[in-house]
């Protein structure tokens, strides 16, 4: 265990840094006089003290972090930070006469930080504003990854920072240096993220939202999280203009942020539009929206313009793993909600704020399948798998195949656990799929008109575990369970 003391030291620093985020709802609470300022101040003080004590107690352990240290730190970050994020939720809700059990509070915190957007809370419109700000702000922090942010601004993570970056960031950008130093790369990505956030806030505000609503929905849009401060979700605003703004920023956040970084830094915008994964992501989301709209029109659910409005908004929202809703789409023909839920597993790009399998893996799988079919007819043909003009290494292909196997086994196993706990199969499968993909709403009782509050404590823990696995892309966390991980 002593080998992991340097990791625990950094984990303490991350916790202390995370505690500063609680000052955001503290300021909001003071501005809106919702009576909870002391809750946020106390929660921040306790979190900072625990983090500082862990850091100070292990200050002599400054060894270089290895790849397995990065995996350990990332995994435990997404388990520990929600633990402290539950403190203000439990104390604040208890203070207003709506006590929240620990299981439910931890589920809510994990849902926020993993940008899932599932919730166990009802009557959101009646909650003190600072609680809703905290829920959505957690998503904004988790969107690009708090570890990437820490690498960008905390000098104490300069040593071994590359290991943290590689363990946290999904997809191909972890192995390609956008700048000579990882810290500069992390700063660049968060700079793009912050720019998108500012633009989204201004667009929502100009479109008719109040400033506080624009802030909260900006948090949950650019992070592709989808938590709202209203029970009716985006239907509360009943505005085609705001829905169009949301679609625009959800599409932008679904693409690889590294492409924006390179385009801005080097002016290579042509390279941005030529990226195969980006084109596939936009084609899947927009094409999926048109398909859903066509189904709604053909089935007589809406007229052509209404079908296009609702079909495009919900396909992009669910497919991008955001999860906003303006209608209860479970009343649509069953093809539409099932298609959108499945789309959420594949549509977002690696390096985006979305989760799921990621489009780049699907492209590699399709090209590998095409190569194998060609080999059946021409056994001696040499046909490498390529993405754009780059040949995909065999190790990457094997990694994708391993990920798909683990993804399938995990989804089926957790779904069967929920069925074993007497949850109906539709709700069980969709709850796990929505949790693993960090989508939020599923089907059945966890659909857009409901939430996860009806699940038992055991079922909530299964979904919580699924959210953490989905955020860590499974392999990182499962590696912790292997004996070889713990051997030097």
Protein backbone atom coordinates (compact mmCIF):
# COMPACT_ATOMS: atom_id res chain seq x y z
CA UNK A 1 0.00 0.00 0.00
CA UNK A 2 2.92 2.33 0.65
CA UNK A 3 3.54 2.34 -3.10
CA UNK A 4 0.26 4.26 -3.49
CA UNK A 5 1.01 6.95 -0.89
CA UNK A 6 2.04 9.46 -3.62
CA UNK A 7 -1.34 8.84 -5.25
CA UNK A 8 -3.20 9.43 -1.99
CA UNK A 9 -1.19 12.63 -1.57
CA UNK A 10 -2.38 13.91 -4.92
CA UNK A 11 -5.90 12.71 -4.14
CA UNK A 12 -5.85 14.92 -1.04
CA UNK A 13 -4.85 17.91 -3.17
CA UNK A 14 -7.67 17.16 -5.60
CA UNK A 15 -10.18 17.02 -2.76
CA UNK A 16 -8.96 20.35 -1.40
CA UNK A 17 -9.25 21.82 -4.89
CA UNK A 18 -12.73 20.30 -5.32
CA UNK A 19 -13.90 21.90 -2.07
CA UNK A 20 -13.39 25.33 -3.65
CA UNK A 21 -16.17 24.49 -6.08
CA UNK A 22 -18.63 24.58 -3.19
CA UNK A 23 -18.03 28.33 -2.99
CA UNK A 24 -20.03 28.72 -6.22
CA UNK A 25 -23.39 27.62 -4.70
CA UNK A 26 -22.35 29.44 -1.50
CA UNK A 27 -22.18 32.72 -3.41
CA UNK A 28 -25.46 31.93 -5.20
CA UNK A 29 -27.08 31.14 -1.85
CA UNK A 30 -25.90 34.50 -0.48
CA UNK A 31 -27.13 36.37 -3.57
CA UNK A 32 -30.57 34.72 -3.52
CA UNK A 33 -30.85 34.55 0.28
CA UNK A 34 -32.08 30.95 0.29
CA UNK A 35 -30.84 30.35 3.84
CA UNK A 36 -28.29 27.66 3.00
CA UNK A 37 -25.08 29.70 2.90
CA UNK A 38 -23.84 28.07 6.12
CA UNK A 39 -24.34 24.57 4.64
CA UNK A 40 -22.07 25.30 1.69
CA UNK A 41 -19.47 27.03 3.84
CA UNK A 42 -19.35 24.13 6.31
CA UNK A 43 -19.22 21.51 3.55
CA UNK A 44 -16.39 23.37 1.83
CA UNK A 45 -14.47 23.70 5.11
CA UNK A 46 -14.78 19.98 5.95
CA UNK A 47 -13.82 18.88 2.43
CA UNK A 48 -10.85 21.23 2.34
CA UNK A 49 -9.67 20.14 5.79
CA UNK A 50 -9.84 16.44 4.86
CA UNK A 51 -8.01 17.03 1.59
CA UNK A 52 -5.36 19.24 3.18
CA UNK A 53 -4.80 16.72 5.99
CA UNK A 54 -4.30 13.90 3.49
CA UNK A 55 -1.91 16.06 1.46
CA UNK A 56 0.08 17.26 4.47
CA UNK A 57 0.24 13.83 6.09
CA UNK A 58 1.83 12.34 2.97
CA UNK A 59 3.84 15.38 1.87
CA UNK A 60 7.12 13.42 1.95
CA UNK A 61 5.94 10.99 -0.75
CA UNK A 62 6.77 12.68 -4.05
CA UNK A 63 7.60 9.74 -6.29
CA UNK A 64 6.98 9.86 -10.03
CA UNK A 65 3.50 8.57 -10.85
CA UNK A 66 3.37 5.45 -13.01
CA UNK A 67 0.57 4.43 -15.42
CA UNK A 68 -1.08 2.20 -12.81
CA UNK A 69 -0.99 5.10 -10.34
CA UNK A 70 -2.96 7.17 -12.83
CA UNK A 71 -5.60 4.43 -13.10
CA UNK A 72 -5.82 4.17 -9.31
CA UNK A 73 -6.13 7.93 -8.86
CA UNK A 74 -8.75 8.42 -11.57
CA UNK A 75 -10.88 5.54 -10.28
CA UNK A 76 -10.79 6.67 -6.67
CA UNK A 77 -11.37 10.30 -7.64
CA UNK A 78 -14.73 9.40 -9.15
CA UNK A 79 -15.59 7.40 -6.02
CA UNK A 80 -14.33 9.83 -3.35
CA UNK A 81 -15.39 13.24 -4.69
CA UNK A 82 -19.09 12.28 -4.87
CA UNK A 83 -18.81 11.19 -1.23
CA UNK A 84 -18.00 14.77 -0.22
CA UNK A 85 -20.43 16.20 -2.78
CA UNK A 86 -23.24 14.44 -0.89
CA UNK A 87 -22.61 16.44 2.30
CA UNK A 88 -24.28 19.70 1.20
CA UNK A 89 -27.05 17.78 -0.57
CA UNK A 90 -27.98 15.83 2.57
CA UNK A 91 -27.64 18.76 4.97
CA UNK A 92 -29.42 21.26 2.74
CA UNK A 93 -32.36 18.99 1.94
CA UNK A 94 -32.66 17.95 5.57
CA UNK A 95 -32.76 21.62 6.51
CA UNK A 96 -35.81 22.24 4.32
CA UNK A 97 -37.69 19.17 5.54
CA UNK A 98 -36.87 16.87 2.62
CA UNK A 99 -34.37 14.39 4.11
CA UNK A 100 -32.35 12.47 1.53
CA UNK A 101 -30.91 9.04 2.43
CA UNK A 102 -27.20 8.57 1.85
CA UNK A 103 -27.77 6.09 -0.99
CA UNK A 104 -29.93 8.59 -2.86
CA UNK A 105 -27.57 11.49 -2.15
CA UNK A 106 -24.53 9.54 -3.36
CA UNK A 107 -26.44 8.47 -6.48
CA UNK A 108 -27.32 12.11 -7.20
CA UNK A 109 -23.71 13.23 -6.70
CA UNK A 110 -22.29 10.46 -8.91
CA UNK A 111 -24.91 11.24 -11.54
CA UNK A 112 -23.76 14.85 -11.50
CA UNK A 113 -20.01 14.31 -11.67
CA UNK A 114 -20.26 11.56 -14.30
CA UNK A 115 -22.58 13.84 -16.36
CA UNK A 116 -25.27 11.15 -16.40
CA UNK A 117 -28.21 13.38 -15.52
CA UNK A 118 -30.31 10.73 -13.76
CA UNK A 119 -32.01 12.02 -10.63
CA UNK A 120 -33.88 10.80 -7.57
CA UNK A 121 -35.23 14.26 -6.71
CA UNK A 122 -38.72 15.56 -7.44
CA UNK A 123 -40.28 19.02 -7.16
CA UNK A 124 -37.11 20.59 -8.51
CA UNK A 125 -38.84 23.95 -9.03
CA UNK A 126 -39.37 24.20 -5.26
CA UNK A 127 -35.74 23.50 -4.31
CA UNK A 128 -33.53 26.35 -3.07
CA UNK A 129 -31.65 27.73 -6.05
CA UNK A 130 -28.22 26.91 -4.63
CA UNK A 131 -29.03 23.16 -4.57
CA UNK A 132 -29.94 23.16 -8.26
CA UNK A 133 -26.83 25.19 -9.03
CA UNK A 134 -24.70 22.59 -7.21
CA UNK A 135 -26.30 19.68 -9.08
CA UNK A 136 -25.66 21.27 -12.47
CA UNK A 137 -22.24 22.66 -11.53
CA UNK A 138 -21.12 19.12 -10.65
CA UNK A 139 -21.88 18.18 -14.24
CA UNK A 140 -19.88 21.08 -15.59
CA UNK A 141 -16.88 20.03 -13.50
CA UNK A 142 -17.20 16.43 -14.59
CA UNK A 143 -17.75 17.30 -18.25
CA UNK A 144 -14.14 17.77 -19.25
CA UNK A 145 -12.90 15.90 -16.21
CA UNK A 146 -11.80 17.45 -12.97
CA UNK A 147 -8.43 15.73 -13.29
CA UNK A 148 -7.76 17.41 -16.63
CA UNK A 149 -8.61 20.72 -14.97
CA UNK A 150 -6.28 19.92 -12.09
CA UNK A 151 -3.43 19.06 -14.45
CA UNK A 152 -4.02 22.39 -16.15
CA UNK A 153 -3.88 24.68 -13.12
CA UNK A 154 -2.23 22.89 -10.20
CA UNK A 155 1.57 22.96 -10.40
CA UNK A 156 1.75 20.21 -7.79
CA UNK A 157 0.43 17.81 -10.43
CA UNK A 158 3.16 18.73 -12.87
CA UNK A 159 5.10 15.60 -11.89
CA UNK A 160 3.43 12.59 -13.41
CA UNK A 161 0.68 14.72 -14.88
CA UNK A 162 0.88 12.85 -18.18
CA UNK A 163 -0.20 9.65 -16.45
CA UNK A 164 -3.27 11.35 -15.01
CA UNK A 165 -4.13 12.87 -18.37
CA UNK A 166 -3.86 9.54 -20.18
CA UNK A 167 -5.93 7.75 -17.53
CA UNK A 168 -8.68 10.38 -17.57
CA UNK A 169 -9.07 11.32 -21.23
CA UNK A 170 -10.90 8.89 -23.48
CA UNK A 171 -9.98 7.89 -26.99
CA UNK A 172 -7.12 8.69 -29.32
CA UNK A 173 -6.17 12.12 -27.95
CA UNK A 174 -4.62 10.55 -24.87
CA UNK A 175 -1.80 9.18 -27.02
CA UNK A 176 -1.22 12.23 -29.20
CA UNK A 177 0.49 15.35 -27.94
CA UNK A 178 -1.32 18.50 -29.00
CA UNK A 179 1.39 20.56 -27.31
CA UNK A 180 4.86 19.61 -26.02
CA UNK A 181 3.63 19.74 -22.40
CA UNK A 182 0.58 17.95 -21.03
CA UNK A 183 -0.24 20.91 -18.79
CA UNK A 184 -0.51 23.17 -21.83
CA UNK A 185 -2.75 20.62 -23.56
CA UNK A 186 -5.06 20.45 -20.54
CA UNK A 187 -5.17 24.25 -20.35
CA UNK A 188 -6.03 24.45 -24.04
CA UNK A 189 -8.87 21.94 -23.76
CA UNK A 190 -10.32 23.70 -20.74
CA UNK A 191 -9.94 27.03 -22.53
CA UNK A 192 -12.10 25.75 -25.37
CA UNK A 193 -14.55 24.30 -22.84
CA UNK A 194 -14.79 27.62 -21.00
CA UNK A 195 -15.28 29.52 -24.26
CA UNK A 196 -18.12 27.21 -25.28
CA UNK A 197 -19.61 27.64 -21.80
CA UNK A 198 -19.57 31.45 -22.01
CA UNK A 199 -21.11 31.39 -25.49
CA UNK A 200 -23.82 28.96 -24.39
CA UNK A 201 -24.71 31.06 -21.35
CA UNK A 202 -25.01 34.23 -23.43
CA UNK A 203 -27.10 32.45 -26.07
CA UNK A 204 -29.54 31.07 -23.48
CA UNK A 205 -29.76 34.44 -21.76
CA UNK A 206 -30.35 36.28 -25.02
CA UNK A 207 -32.93 33.63 -25.99
CA UNK A 208 -35.14 34.43 -23.01
CA UNK A 209 -33.87 32.45 -20.02
CA UNK A 210 -33.27 34.21 -16.74
CA UNK A 211 -29.59 34.62 -15.86
CA UNK A 212 -29.67 31.87 -13.23
CA UNK A 213 -31.53 29.45 -15.53
CA UNK A 214 -29.09 30.24 -18.32
CA UNK A 215 -26.18 29.51 -15.97
CA UNK A 216 -27.57 26.16 -14.79
CA UNK A 217 -28.60 24.96 -18.24
CA UNK A 218 -25.26 26.06 -19.66
CA UNK A 219 -23.60 23.85 -17.04
CA UNK A 220 -25.65 20.84 -18.10
CA UNK A 221 -25.58 21.50 -21.87
CA UNK A 222 -21.86 21.85 -22.62
CA UNK A 223 -21.17 18.93 -20.26
CA UNK A 224 -23.85 16.84 -22.03
CA UNK A 225 -25.26 16.16 -18.56
CA UNK A 226 -28.89 17.18 -18.91
CA UNK A 227 -29.88 17.91 -15.32
CA UNK A 228 -32.43 20.71 -15.13
CA UNK A 229 -33.73 22.98 -12.41
CA UNK A 230 -37.31 22.24 -13.50
CA UNK A 231 -39.41 19.10 -13.25
CA UNK A 232 -40.60 19.67 -16.82
CA UNK A 233 -36.97 19.77 -18.01
CA UNK A 234 -36.62 21.84 -21.20
CA UNK A 235 -40.41 21.85 -21.70
CA UNK A 236 -40.55 24.48 -18.95
CA UNK A 237 -39.40 27.11 -21.44
CA UNK A 238 -41.67 26.08 -24.36
CA UNK A 239 -39.34 27.89 -26.75
CA UNK A 240 -38.31 26.59 -30.19
CA UNK A 241 -35.50 29.19 -30.16
CA UNK A 242 -34.00 27.87 -26.91
CA UNK A 243 -34.36 24.30 -28.19
CA UNK A 244 -32.42 25.28 -31.31
CA UNK A 245 -29.68 26.84 -29.15
CA UNK A 246 -29.52 23.65 -27.08
CA UNK A 247 -29.25 21.48 -30.20
CA UNK A 248 -26.41 23.64 -31.54
CA UNK A 249 -24.32 23.39 -28.36
CA UNK A 250 -25.12 19.72 -27.77
CA UNK A 251 -23.83 18.97 -31.28
CA UNK A 252 -20.72 21.06 -30.66
CA UNK A 253 -20.00 19.36 -27.32
CA UNK A 254 -20.45 15.92 -28.91
CA UNK A 255 -17.37 16.45 -31.10
CA UNK A 256 -13.74 16.00 -30.13
CA UNK A 257 -12.53 19.10 -28.24
CA UNK A 258 -9.01 18.40 -29.45
CA UNK A 259 -10.17 19.28 -32.98
CA UNK A 260 -11.31 22.71 -31.79
CA UNK A 261 -8.04 23.17 -29.95
CA UNK A 262 -5.93 22.37 -33.01
CA UNK A 263 -8.16 24.45 -35.29
CA UNK A 264 -7.90 27.51 -33.04
CA UNK A 265 -4.23 27.09 -32.20
CA UNK A 266 -2.97 26.31 -35.70
CA UNK A 267 -5.79 27.59 -37.89
CA UNK A 268 -6.30 24.15 -39.46
CA UNK A 269 -10.06 24.35 -39.90
CA UNK A 270 -9.96 22.17 -43.00
CA UNK A 271 -8.53 19.38 -40.90
CA UNK A 272 -11.47 19.83 -38.54
CA UNK A 273 -14.05 19.21 -41.26
CA UNK A 274 -12.09 16.31 -42.73
CA UNK A 275 -12.05 14.36 -39.48
CA UNK A 276 -13.87 11.07 -40.07
CA UNK A 277 -15.14 10.71 -36.52
CA UNK A 278 -16.51 14.25 -36.38
CA UNK A 279 -18.40 13.77 -39.64
CA UNK A 280 -19.77 10.43 -38.44
CA UNK A 281 -20.87 11.97 -35.12
CA UNK A 282 -22.78 14.82 -36.77
CA UNK A 283 -24.24 12.46 -39.38
CA UNK A 284 -25.45 10.04 -36.68
CA UNK A 285 -27.07 12.73 -34.53
CA UNK A 286 -28.60 14.81 -37.32
CA UNK A 287 -29.50 11.77 -39.42
CA UNK A 288 -31.01 10.13 -36.34
CA UNK A 289 -33.06 13.25 -35.72
CA UNK A 290 -34.40 13.25 -39.28
CA UNK A 291 -35.22 9.54 -39.01
CA UNK A 292 -37.13 9.99 -35.75
CA UNK A 293 -38.95 12.98 -37.24
CA UNK A 294 -39.91 10.91 -40.30
CA UNK A 295 -41.29 8.15 -38.07
CA UNK A 296 -43.34 10.63 -36.03
CA UNK A 297 -44.73 12.19 -39.19
CA UNK A 298 -45.43 8.87 -40.89
CA UNK A 299 -47.23 7.54 -37.80
CA UNK A 300 -49.35 10.70 -37.56
CA UNK A 301 -48.02 11.78 -34.16
CA UNK A 302 -47.18 15.31 -35.37
CA UNK A 303 -47.34 17.41 -38.50
CA UNK A 304 -44.14 17.78 -40.53
CA UNK A 305 -42.71 20.85 -38.75
CA UNK A 306 -43.60 19.67 -35.24
CA UNK A 307 -42.21 16.24 -36.03
CA UNK A 308 -38.93 17.81 -37.17
CA UNK A 309 -38.75 20.04 -34.10
CA UNK A 310 -39.37 17.28 -31.55
CA UNK A 311 -37.60 14.52 -33.45
CA UNK A 312 -34.40 16.49 -33.99
CA UNK A 313 -34.28 17.91 -30.46
CA UNK A 314 -34.79 14.59 -28.71
CA UNK A 315 -32.57 12.53 -30.99
CA UNK A 316 -29.70 14.98 -30.45
CA UNK A 317 -30.46 15.30 -26.74
CA UNK A 318 -30.62 11.56 -25.98
CA UNK A 319 -28.10 10.54 -28.64
CA UNK A 320 -25.51 12.97 -27.27
CA UNK A 321 -26.11 11.55 -23.74
CA UNK A 322 -27.56 14.87 -22.54
CA UNK A 323 -31.09 13.73 -21.78
CA UNK A 324 -33.19 16.91 -21.97
CA UNK A 325 -36.84 16.36 -22.85
CA UNK A 326 -39.72 18.58 -23.93
CA UNK A 327 -42.34 15.80 -24.18
CA UNK A 328 -42.75 12.30 -22.77
CA UNK A 329 -41.36 10.47 -25.78
CA UNK A 330 -42.32 7.09 -24.30
CA UNK A 331 -45.76 7.79 -25.80
CA UNK A 332 -44.24 7.85 -29.27
CA UNK A 333 -44.01 4.71 -31.44
CA UNK A 334 -41.69 2.35 -29.57
CA UNK A 335 -39.05 2.50 -32.31
CA UNK A 336 -38.23 6.15 -31.53
CA UNK A 337 -37.30 5.97 -27.81
CA UNK A 338 -35.49 2.64 -28.25
CA UNK A 339 -33.53 3.94 -31.23
CA UNK A 340 -32.53 7.11 -29.37
CA UNK A 341 -31.37 5.14 -26.32
CA UNK A 342 -29.23 2.86 -28.49
CA UNK A 343 -27.89 5.90 -30.36
CA UNK A 344 -26.62 7.33 -27.07
CA UNK A 345 -24.13 4.48 -26.86
CA UNK A 346 -22.27 5.30 -30.05
CA UNK A 347 -22.91 8.84 -31.27
CA UNK A 348 -20.46 11.02 -29.32
CA UNK A 349 -16.81 11.44 -30.26
CA UNK A 350 -13.80 10.50 -28.18
CA UNK A 351 -12.46 13.65 -26.55
CA UNK A 352 -15.98 15.07 -26.18
CA UNK A 353 -17.88 15.50 -22.92
CA UNK A 354 -20.11 12.54 -23.80
CA UNK A 355 -19.75 8.93 -22.72
CA UNK A 356 -20.66 5.55 -24.18
CA UNK A 357 -18.76 3.42 -26.68
CA UNK A 358 -17.68 6.47 -28.73
CA UNK A 359 -17.94 6.87 -32.48
CA UNK A 360 -14.25 6.20 -33.16
CA UNK A 361 -14.58 2.68 -31.76
CA UNK A 362 -17.63 2.00 -33.93
CA UNK A 363 -15.77 3.20 -37.02
CA UNK A 364 -12.87 0.88 -36.22
CA UNK A 365 -15.24 -2.04 -35.65
CA UNK A 366 -17.05 -1.44 -38.94
CA UNK A 367 -13.80 -1.17 -40.87
CA UNK A 368 -12.42 -4.29 -39.19
CA UNK A 369 -15.60 -6.21 -40.04
CA UNK A 370 -15.34 -5.02 -43.66
CA UNK A 371 -11.71 -6.18 -43.78
CA UNK A 372 -12.64 -9.63 -42.48
CA UNK A 373 -15.38 -9.97 -45.10
CA UNK A 374 -12.90 -9.00 -47.81
CA UNK A 375 -10.50 -11.65 -46.52
CA UNK A 376 -13.17 -14.32 -46.99
CA UNK A 377 -13.17 -13.60 -50.71
CA UNK A 378 -9.51 -12.55 -51.11
CA UNK A 379 -7.48 -14.33 -48.37
CA UNK A 380 -4.18 -12.79 -49.48
CA UNK A 381 -5.40 -9.22 -49.80
CA UNK A 382 -3.58 -6.62 -47.73
CA UNK A 383 -6.16 -4.14 -46.47
CA UNK A 384 -5.15 -2.20 -43.36
CA UNK A 385 -7.78 -0.53 -41.18
CA UNK A 386 -7.54 3.23 -41.62
CA UNK A 387 -9.15 6.30 -40.11
CA UNK A 388 -8.79 9.07 -42.62
CA UNK A 389 -5.24 8.66 -43.90
CA UNK A 390 -3.90 7.07 -40.70
CA UNK A 391 -3.43 3.31 -40.40
CA UNK A 392 -4.90 1.99 -37.15
CA UNK A 393 -2.40 -0.04 -35.14
CA UNK A 394 -3.36 -3.66 -34.40
CA UNK A 395 -3.04 -2.97 -30.68
CA UNK A 396 -5.75 -0.33 -30.96
CA UNK A 397 -8.04 -2.77 -32.76
CA UNK A 398 -7.50 -5.41 -30.08
CA UNK A 399 -8.17 -2.78 -27.40
CA UNK A 400 -11.45 -1.85 -29.09
CA UNK A 401 -12.50 -5.50 -29.31
CA UNK A 402 -11.66 -6.00 -25.62
CA UNK A 403 -13.64 -2.89 -24.69
CA UNK A 404 -16.68 -4.08 -26.64
CA UNK A 405 -16.56 -7.46 -24.92
CA UNK A 406 -16.37 -5.86 -21.47
CA UNK A 407 -19.09 -3.35 -22.40
CA UNK A 408 -21.47 -6.10 -23.50
CA UNK A 409 -20.78 -8.37 -20.53
CA UNK A 410 -21.12 -5.48 -18.06
CA UNK A 411 -24.42 -4.26 -19.51
CA UNK A 412 -25.95 -7.73 -19.57
CA UNK A 413 -24.68 -8.69 -16.11
CA UNK A 414 -25.91 -5.51 -14.40
CA UNK A 415 -29.25 -5.73 -16.21
CA UNK A 416 -29.71 -9.29 -14.97
CA UNK A 417 -28.90 -8.13 -11.43
CA UNK A 418 -31.72 -5.59 -11.64
CA UNK A 419 -34.10 -8.19 -13.07
CA UNK A 420 -33.11 -10.51 -10.22
CA UNK A 421 -34.12 -7.73 -7.81
CA UNK A 422 -37.65 -7.84 -9.29
CA UNK A 423 -37.36 -4.85 -11.62
CA UNK A 424 -39.18 -5.30 -14.90
CA UNK A 425 -36.90 -6.17 -17.85
CA UNK A 426 -37.54 -2.99 -19.86
CA UNK A 427 -36.79 -0.69 -16.95
CA UNK A 428 -33.82 -2.83 -15.85
CA UNK A 429 -32.12 -2.93 -19.23
CA UNK A 430 -32.75 0.73 -20.03
CA UNK A 431 -31.66 1.91 -16.56
CA UNK A 432 -28.33 0.09 -16.91
CA UNK A 433 -27.82 1.22 -20.50
CA UNK A 434 -28.67 4.83 -19.60
CA UNK A 435 -26.27 4.63 -16.64
CA UNK A 436 -23.37 2.97 -18.49
CA UNK A 437 -23.72 5.46 -21.35
CA UNK A 438 -24.21 8.32 -18.84
CA UNK A 439 -27.39 9.29 -20.67
CA UNK A 440 -29.83 9.79 -17.79
CA UNK A 441 -33.40 8.92 -18.72
CA UNK A 442 -34.19 5.40 -19.84
CA UNK A 443 -37.44 3.59 -20.59
CA UNK A 444 -40.25 2.37 -18.37
CA UNK A 445 -40.43 3.95 -14.91
CA UNK A 446 -37.05 5.69 -15.40
CA UNK A 447 -38.22 7.45 -18.58
CA UNK A 448 -38.30 11.21 -19.19
CA UNK A 449 -41.55 11.69 -17.25
CA UNK A 450 -40.22 9.80 -14.22
CA UNK A 451 -36.93 9.40 -12.40
CA UNK A 452 -34.88 6.85 -10.45
CA UNK A 453 -36.50 7.54 -7.06
CA UNK A 454 -38.73 4.48 -7.38
CA UNK A 455 -35.77 2.09 -7.38
CA UNK A 456 -34.67 0.27 -4.23
CA UNK A 457 -31.36 1.01 -2.53
CA UNK A 458 -29.79 -2.08 -4.09
CA UNK A 459 -30.98 -1.08 -7.55
CA UNK A 460 -29.63 2.45 -7.08
CA UNK A 461 -26.21 1.08 -6.10
CA UNK A 462 -26.16 -1.08 -9.23
CA UNK A 463 -26.92 2.00 -11.36
CA UNK A 464 -24.36 4.06 -9.42
CA UNK A 465 -21.71 1.42 -10.14
CA UNK A 466 -22.77 1.43 -13.80
CA UNK A 467 -22.33 5.22 -13.99
CA UNK A 468 -18.81 5.07 -12.56
CA UNK A 469 -17.89 2.25 -14.96
CA UNK A 470 -19.27 4.22 -17.89
CA UNK A 471 -17.38 7.38 -16.94
CA UNK A 472 -14.13 5.44 -16.55
CA UNK A 473 -14.80 3.47 -19.75
CA UNK A 474 -14.80 0.25 -17.70
CA UNK A 475 -11.35 -1.13 -18.46
CA UNK A 476 -9.60 1.32 -16.13
CA UNK A 477 -11.75 0.39 -13.14
CA UNK A 478 -11.81 -3.34 -13.88
CA UNK A 479 -8.00 -3.28 -14.07
CA UNK A 480 -8.02 -2.49 -10.34
CA UNK A 481 -9.60 -5.88 -9.68
CA UNK A 482 -6.81 -7.88 -11.31
CA UNK A 483 -3.94 -9.31 -9.20
CA UNK A 484 -1.33 -8.03 -11.67
CA UNK A 485 -2.36 -4.42 -10.94
CA UNK A 486 -1.27 -4.68 -7.32
CA UNK A 487 2.10 -6.25 -8.10
CA UNK A 488 5.03 -3.84 -8.52
